[in-house]
Protein backbone atom coordinates (compact mmCIF):
# COMPACT_ATOMS: atom_id res chain seq x y z
CA UNK A 1 -7.66 12.90 5.12
CA UNK A 2 -5.97 11.99 1.86
CA UNK A 3 -4.90 8.73 0.23
CA UNK A 4 -1.61 8.05 -1.52
CA UNK A 5 -1.63 5.10 -3.91
CA UNK A 6 1.90 3.98 -4.74
CA UNK A 7 2.04 2.69 -8.32
CA UNK A 8 5.68 3.45 -9.14
CA UNK A 9 7.02 -0.10 -9.15
CA UNK A 10 8.38 -1.80 -12.25
CA UNK A 11 7.15 -5.27 -11.25
CA UNK A 12 10.34 -7.15 -12.09
CA UNK A 13 9.06 -10.36 -10.49
CA UNK A 14 5.85 -10.18 -12.50
CA UNK A 15 7.48 -11.05 -15.85
CA UNK A 16 5.33 -8.71 -17.94
CA UNK A 17 6.21 -5.85 -20.29
CA UNK A 18 3.29 -3.90 -18.84
CA UNK A 19 3.61 -2.98 -15.15
CA UNK A 20 1.05 -5.00 -13.19
CA UNK A 21 -0.75 -1.89 -11.90
CA UNK A 22 -1.78 -1.08 -15.48
CA UNK A 23 -3.08 -4.52 -16.43
CA UNK A 24 -6.83 -5.10 -16.69
CA UNK A 25 -8.56 -7.59 -14.42
CA UNK A 26 -12.27 -8.02 -13.70
CA UNK A 27 -13.14 -5.27 -16.17
CA UNK A 28 -10.86 -2.53 -14.79
CA UNK A 29 -7.20 -1.63 -14.54
CA UNK A 30 -5.56 -2.89 -11.35
CA UNK A 31 -4.91 0.67 -10.17
CA UNK A 32 -8.52 1.69 -10.87
CA UNK A 33 -9.78 -0.98 -8.45
CA UNK A 34 -7.69 0.64 -5.69
CA UNK A 35 -8.86 4.12 -6.64
CA UNK A 36 -12.49 2.99 -6.43
CA UNK A 37 -12.03 1.59 -2.91
CA UNK A 38 -10.83 4.97 -1.58
CA UNK A 39 -13.23 6.97 -3.73
CA UNK A 40 -16.11 5.40 -1.77
CA UNK A 41 -14.90 6.73 1.60
CA UNK A 42 -16.38 10.06 2.65
CA UNK A 43 -13.41 11.05 4.87
CA UNK A 44 -11.00 10.92 1.92
CA UNK A 45 -10.77 14.34 0.28
CA UNK A 46 -8.44 13.45 -2.57
CA UNK A 47 -6.14 10.76 -3.94
CA UNK A 48 -2.48 11.07 -4.92
CA UNK A 49 -1.20 8.62 -7.53
CA UNK A 50 2.56 8.00 -7.45
CA UNK A 51 3.43 6.79 -10.95
CA UNK A 52 6.58 5.28 -12.52
CA UNK A 53 9.12 7.94 -13.48
CA UNK A 54 10.58 5.88 -16.32
CA UNK A 55 7.35 4.43 -17.70
CA UNK A 56 5.14 6.79 -19.71
CA UNK A 57 2.35 4.30 -20.37
CA UNK A 58 0.24 5.78 -17.57
CA UNK A 59 0.10 9.18 -19.30
CA UNK A 60 -2.23 7.69 -21.93
CA UNK A 61 -4.52 6.01 -19.41
CA UNK A 62 -7.72 7.69 -18.24
CA UNK A 63 -8.33 7.05 -14.55
CA UNK A 64 -11.58 8.13 -12.96
CA UNK A 65 -12.72 9.22 -9.51
CA UNK A 66 -15.31 11.50 -7.97
CA UNK A 67 -12.60 12.92 -5.72
CA UNK A 68 -9.65 14.97 -7.05
CA UNK A 69 -6.81 12.90 -8.48
CA UNK A 70 -3.28 14.28 -8.13
CA UNK A 71 -0.23 12.86 -9.89
CA UNK A 72 3.46 12.64 -9.11
CA UNK A 73 6.28 10.26 -10.01
CA UNK A 74 8.15 7.83 -7.80
CA UNK A 75 11.73 7.84 -6.57
CA UNK A 76 14.43 5.20 -6.37
CA UNK A 77 12.95 3.63 -3.23
CA UNK A 78 9.60 3.10 -1.55
CA UNK A 79 10.47 5.82 0.95
CA UNK A 80 11.24 8.37 -1.75
CA UNK A 81 8.08 7.54 -3.68
CA UNK A 82 5.86 8.08 -0.64
CA UNK A 83 7.72 11.29 0.22
CA UNK A 84 6.99 12.56 -3.29
CA UNK A 85 3.31 11.92 -2.66
CA UNK A 86 3.45 13.71 0.67
CA UNK A 87 5.15 16.73 -0.90
CA UNK A 88 2.28 17.11 -3.37
CA UNK A 89 -0.12 17.25 -0.41
CA UNK A 90 1.82 19.89 1.54
CA UNK A 91 -0.42 22.84 0.52
CA UNK A 92 -3.61 20.93 1.36
CA UNK A 93 -2.96 19.35 4.76
CA UNK A 94 -1.94 20.15 8.33
CA UNK A 95 0.61 18.39 10.50
CA UNK A 96 -2.00 16.14 12.08
CA UNK A 97 -3.97 15.33 8.93
CA UNK A 98 -4.40 11.58 8.45
CA UNK A 99 -2.73 10.04 5.40
CA UNK A 100 -3.55 6.62 3.97
CA UNK A 101 -0.78 4.91 1.99
CA UNK A 102 -1.71 1.99 -0.24
CA UNK A 103 0.02 -0.29 -2.75
CA UNK A 104 -1.65 -0.14 -6.16
CA UNK A 105 -0.89 -3.86 -6.55
CA UNK A 106 -3.41 -4.64 -3.78
CA UNK A 107 -6.44 -4.32 -6.03
CA UNK A 108 -8.65 -6.47 -3.80
CA UNK A 109 -8.70 -4.13 -0.80
CA UNK A 110 -12.23 -3.45 0.43
CA UNK A 111 -13.80 -0.18 1.48
CA UNK A 112 -14.91 -1.94 4.67
CA UNK A 113 -11.33 -2.76 5.66
CA UNK A 114 -10.21 0.80 4.98
CA UNK A 115 -13.01 2.14 7.17
CA UNK A 116 -12.08 -0.34 9.90
CA UNK A 117 -8.48 0.93 9.85
CA UNK A 118 -9.61 4.56 9.99
CA UNK A 119 -11.96 3.91 12.91
CA UNK A 120 -9.36 2.09 15.04
CA UNK A 121 -6.59 4.62 14.40
CA UNK A 122 -8.82 7.59 15.11
CA UNK A 123 -10.22 6.02 18.28
CA UNK A 124 -6.70 5.32 19.58
CA UNK A 125 -5.27 8.52 18.07
CA UNK A 126 -2.40 6.40 16.78
CA UNK A 127 -1.15 5.34 13.38
CA UNK A 128 -1.51 1.75 12.28
CA UNK A 129 -1.82 -0.75 9.49
CA UNK A 130 -3.91 -3.63 8.25
CA UNK A 131 -2.36 -7.04 8.88
CA UNK A 132 -3.22 -10.71 8.70
CA UNK A 133 -1.86 -13.44 10.99
CA UNK A 134 0.74 -15.70 9.40
CA UNK A 135 -0.84 -19.15 9.02
CA UNK A 136 1.80 -20.94 6.93
CA UNK A 137 4.66 -22.86 8.47
CA UNK A 138 7.66 -20.53 8.08
CA UNK A 139 11.10 -21.91 7.24
CA UNK A 140 14.44 -20.13 7.56
CA UNK A 141 17.19 -20.74 5.03
CA UNK A 142 20.44 -18.84 4.78
CA UNK A 143 21.38 -20.20 1.36
CA UNK A 144 17.89 -20.37 -0.12
CA UNK A 145 18.29 -24.07 -0.84
CA UNK A 146 18.11 -25.89 2.49
CA UNK A 147 15.77 -25.43 5.44
CA UNK A 148 17.69 -24.69 8.64
CA UNK A 149 14.86 -24.11 11.11
CA UNK A 150 11.16 -23.45 11.51
CA UNK A 151 10.14 -20.02 12.78
CA UNK A 152 7.49 -19.77 15.52
CA UNK A 153 4.56 -18.07 13.77
CA UNK A 154 2.43 -17.36 16.86
CA UNK A 155 3.45 -13.69 17.00
CA UNK A 156 3.95 -13.13 13.28
CA UNK A 157 1.73 -10.95 11.10
CA UNK A 158 1.88 -10.17 7.40
CA UNK A 159 1.70 -6.44 6.71
CA UNK A 160 -1.02 -5.27 4.34
CA UNK A 161 -2.00 -1.87 3.02
CA UNK A 162 -3.39 0.68 3.43
CA UNK A 163 -1.45 2.04 6.38
CA UNK A 164 -2.58 5.21 8.15
CA UNK A 165 -0.46 7.83 9.90
CA UNK A 166 -0.53 11.57 10.70
CA UNK A 167 1.10 13.67 7.98
CA UNK A 168 4.05 15.23 9.82
CA UNK A 169 4.82 12.08 11.83
CA UNK A 170 4.92 10.12 8.59
CA UNK A 171 7.28 12.58 6.90
CA UNK A 172 9.61 12.65 9.91
CA UNK A 173 9.71 8.85 10.22
CA UNK A 174 10.39 8.34 6.52
CA UNK A 175 13.14 10.95 6.39
CA UNK A 176 14.93 9.38 9.36
CA UNK A 177 14.55 5.80 8.13
CA UNK A 178 17.04 3.53 6.41
CA UNK A 179 15.92 3.87 2.79
CA UNK A 180 17.16 0.42 1.76
CA UNK A 181 15.56 -1.61 4.55
CA UNK A 182 12.28 0.31 4.83
CA UNK A 183 9.70 -1.67 2.88
CA UNK A 184 6.57 -0.05 4.28
CA UNK A 185 5.60 3.00 6.33
CA UNK A 186 5.16 1.03 9.56
CA UNK A 187 8.78 -0.14 9.42
CA UNK A 188 9.93 3.48 9.33
CA UNK A 189 8.02 4.12 12.56
CA UNK A 190 9.41 0.95 14.13
CA UNK A 191 12.94 2.20 13.45
CA UNK A 192 12.05 5.34 15.44
CA UNK A 193 10.85 3.25 18.38
CA UNK A 194 7.14 3.81 17.64
CA UNK A 195 4.83 0.79 17.65
CA UNK A 196 2.01 1.14 15.08
CA UNK A 197 -1.41 -0.38 15.75
CA UNK A 198 -2.16 -3.72 14.12
CA UNK A 199 -5.69 -4.00 12.72
CA UNK A 200 -6.73 -7.36 11.35
CA UNK A 201 -7.67 -7.15 7.68
CA UNK A 202 -9.17 -9.55 5.20
CA UNK A 203 -6.97 -12.40 4.03
CA UNK A 204 -8.05 -11.81 0.41
CA UNK A 205 -6.31 -8.41 0.38
CA UNK A 206 -3.60 -10.01 -1.73
CA UNK A 207 -0.68 -8.33 -3.47
CA UNK A 208 -0.12 -9.00 -7.16
CA UNK A 209 3.48 -10.20 -7.20
CA UNK A 210 3.54 -13.07 -9.70
CA UNK A 211 1.57 -13.71 -12.89
CA UNK A 212 -0.42 -16.50 -11.25
CA UNK A 213 -1.75 -13.98 -8.71
CA UNK A 214 -3.89 -12.49 -11.52
CA UNK A 215 -6.15 -15.55 -11.54
CA UNK A 216 -6.81 -15.36 -7.81
CA UNK A 217 -7.32 -11.59 -7.87
CA UNK A 218 -9.74 -11.90 -10.78
CA UNK A 219 -11.76 -14.49 -8.88
CA UNK A 220 -11.85 -12.34 -5.72
CA UNK A 221 -12.88 -9.18 -7.56
CA UNK A 222 -15.56 -10.92 -9.59
CA UNK A 223 -17.05 -12.41 -6.41
CA UNK A 224 -17.24 -8.92 -4.89
C-alpha cells in the first residue's frame, strides 16, 4: 500500500503568494501534517508527493518521514496529477495494490480515520472514500445571486480525502474519465458505473480553501 499526497494546486482562492500547502500552521508546514498522518500507518510502504510544476519553492523545503518519500510534479488537472503519482509507483506495485490519494490541503486528517478507511475497504474488497453528511441547508442558484430552490440534503455527503482504490482500477478509471469534470478519484469511478464505498469520517477533516480556514485548522491541530 502506498499513499499519494496531491500538493500541486496553486491555491488561487487562497489569496496568498505562497501556496497553502507550504504555509506553516501549528508548528509544521501544512503538507508535513499530512505526511505525518500517513507515516504513522504500518501498511503504508511509501509516500508520493505530487508537487507544483511551476512553483519551485518546494525544492528548498525539507520534508521528513520514516517511510520513503518520492517526488513528482502535477499536471494541468487533478486527474493528470494523480496519474503522475501513479506512474512513479509503477515499478513498486501490483495491479491490486491499494493506493491512498489525499489532498495536501487537508492537514487535519487523523491516522484513525485513515485506518478506518483501510479497514472498511479491505473488508469489503472495494474502493471507497471518507465522507461526512451534509448538515447545512443547501441552496441552488443558477445566477449565483438569487436562491431558486432548496436541495434535499438527506442523501447528500461531502467527499473528503483520503480515498482508497486498487492501483490498476484507479489508473483505468482516471484515464477513461472526463478530465474537466473529475474533481476526485471517486467521481472517476462513478463515471464508469462503479459505486465507491462511503465511510464516515471526522467533520474536522477540513480543506484549507480560504485564508480564514487557517485559524480553524490551527485550532484543530493544536487540540490534537
